[in-house]
């Protein structure tokens, strides 16, 4: 799957949460993938690319929570944690 095909097939935003946001000695990287369309093959490929890139750069394990937009909206406790949007599919921008 090429990058352009992947971009067309993955309608998802990526959100960073956890200690990696504010600690220099974090043990891992925690990401939330919020998808609009459930294309599991494309989501798996996206996670693989993100994991390889982050492992190469930081040498840390990457953990994912994968939620639909509706599931994410319902997760009130999750919204209370500090989060940073890394990529917003709705605006198609990297923050």
Protein backbone atom coordinates (compact mmCIF):
# COMPACT_ATOMS: atom_id res chain seq x y z
CA UNK A 1 0.00 0.00 0.00
CA UNK A 2 1.57 3.28 -1.11
CA UNK A 3 1.51 6.39 1.07
CA UNK A 4 -1.10 8.10 -1.12
CA UNK A 5 -3.34 5.02 -1.10
CA UNK A 6 -2.88 4.75 2.66
CA UNK A 7 -3.85 8.41 3.11
CA UNK A 8 -7.00 7.85 1.03
CA UNK A 9 -7.93 4.73 3.02
CA UNK A 10 -7.15 5.87 6.57
CA UNK A 11 -9.50 8.52 7.79
CA UNK A 12 -7.97 8.88 11.26
CA UNK A 13 -6.49 11.39 13.66
CA UNK A 14 -3.48 10.66 15.88
CA UNK A 15 -3.35 11.94 19.47
CA UNK A 16 -0.37 11.79 21.83
CA UNK A 17 -1.03 11.17 25.51
CA UNK A 18 0.96 10.01 28.52
CA UNK A 19 4.35 10.86 29.97
CA UNK A 20 6.16 11.23 26.63
CA UNK A 21 4.54 14.68 26.29
CA UNK A 22 6.37 16.19 29.26
CA UNK A 23 9.09 13.83 30.56
CA UNK A 24 12.55 13.53 29.03
CA UNK A 25 12.90 9.99 30.38
CA UNK A 26 9.57 8.48 29.31
CA UNK A 27 9.41 4.67 29.08
CA UNK A 28 7.03 4.53 26.12
CA UNK A 29 4.89 6.51 23.70
CA UNK A 30 1.10 6.32 24.07
CA UNK A 31 -1.03 7.20 21.05
CA UNK A 32 -4.75 7.27 20.39
CA UNK A 33 -5.87 6.57 16.83
CA UNK A 34 -9.37 7.95 16.24
CA UNK A 35 -10.80 6.67 12.97
CA UNK A 36 -13.73 7.86 10.92
CA UNK A 37 -13.88 4.81 8.66
CA UNK A 38 -13.05 1.32 9.91
CA UNK A 39 -10.47 0.10 7.40
CA UNK A 40 -8.51 -2.30 9.61
CA UNK A 41 -5.89 -3.23 7.00
CA UNK A 42 -5.06 0.44 6.45
CA UNK A 43 -5.10 1.17 10.21
CA UNK A 44 -2.67 -1.71 10.80
CA UNK A 45 -0.35 -0.34 8.09
CA UNK A 46 -0.56 3.17 9.59
CA UNK A 47 0.38 1.81 13.03
CA UNK A 48 3.29 -0.11 11.50
CA UNK A 49 4.65 3.05 9.83
CA UNK A 50 4.23 5.16 12.97
CA UNK A 51 5.81 2.49 15.18
CA UNK A 52 8.86 2.08 12.93
CA UNK A 53 9.36 5.84 12.64
CA UNK A 54 9.09 6.44 16.39
CA UNK A 55 11.24 3.41 17.26
CA UNK A 56 13.94 4.61 14.87
CA UNK A 57 13.84 8.13 16.31
CA UNK A 58 13.35 7.48 20.04
CA UNK A 59 13.94 3.76 20.63
CA UNK A 60 10.79 3.48 22.73
CA UNK A 61 7.85 1.07 22.51
CA UNK A 62 4.64 2.54 21.12
CA UNK A 63 1.24 1.67 22.61
CA UNK A 64 -2.05 2.34 20.86
CA UNK A 65 -5.66 2.85 21.79
CA UNK A 66 -7.74 2.60 18.62
CA UNK A 67 -11.24 4.08 18.76
CA UNK A 68 -13.98 5.14 16.40
CA UNK A 69 -14.95 8.81 16.51
CA UNK A 70 -18.11 7.86 18.44
CA UNK A 71 -16.17 5.73 20.95
CA UNK A 72 -13.67 8.54 21.50
CA UNK A 73 -16.47 11.06 22.05
CA UNK A 74 -17.96 8.80 24.76
CA UNK A 75 -14.67 8.31 26.68
CA UNK A 76 -15.08 11.11 29.23
CA UNK A 77 -12.25 9.89 31.49
CA UNK A 78 -9.86 9.83 28.55
CA UNK A 79 -10.64 13.48 27.76
CA UNK A 80 -9.54 14.48 31.27
CA UNK A 81 -5.95 13.39 30.54
CA UNK A 82 -3.52 15.80 28.88
CA UNK A 83 -3.48 15.13 25.14
CA UNK A 84 -1.88 16.65 22.06
CA UNK A 85 -3.26 16.18 18.57
CA UNK A 86 -0.39 15.17 16.30
CA UNK A 87 -2.41 14.76 13.11
CA UNK A 88 -5.98 15.95 12.68
CA UNK A 89 -7.69 14.14 9.81
CA UNK A 90 -10.57 16.62 9.81
CA UNK A 91 -8.16 19.47 9.08
CA UNK A 92 -5.59 17.26 7.32
CA UNK A 93 -2.78 18.89 9.23
CA UNK A 94 0.16 17.83 11.33
CA UNK A 95 0.27 19.79 14.55
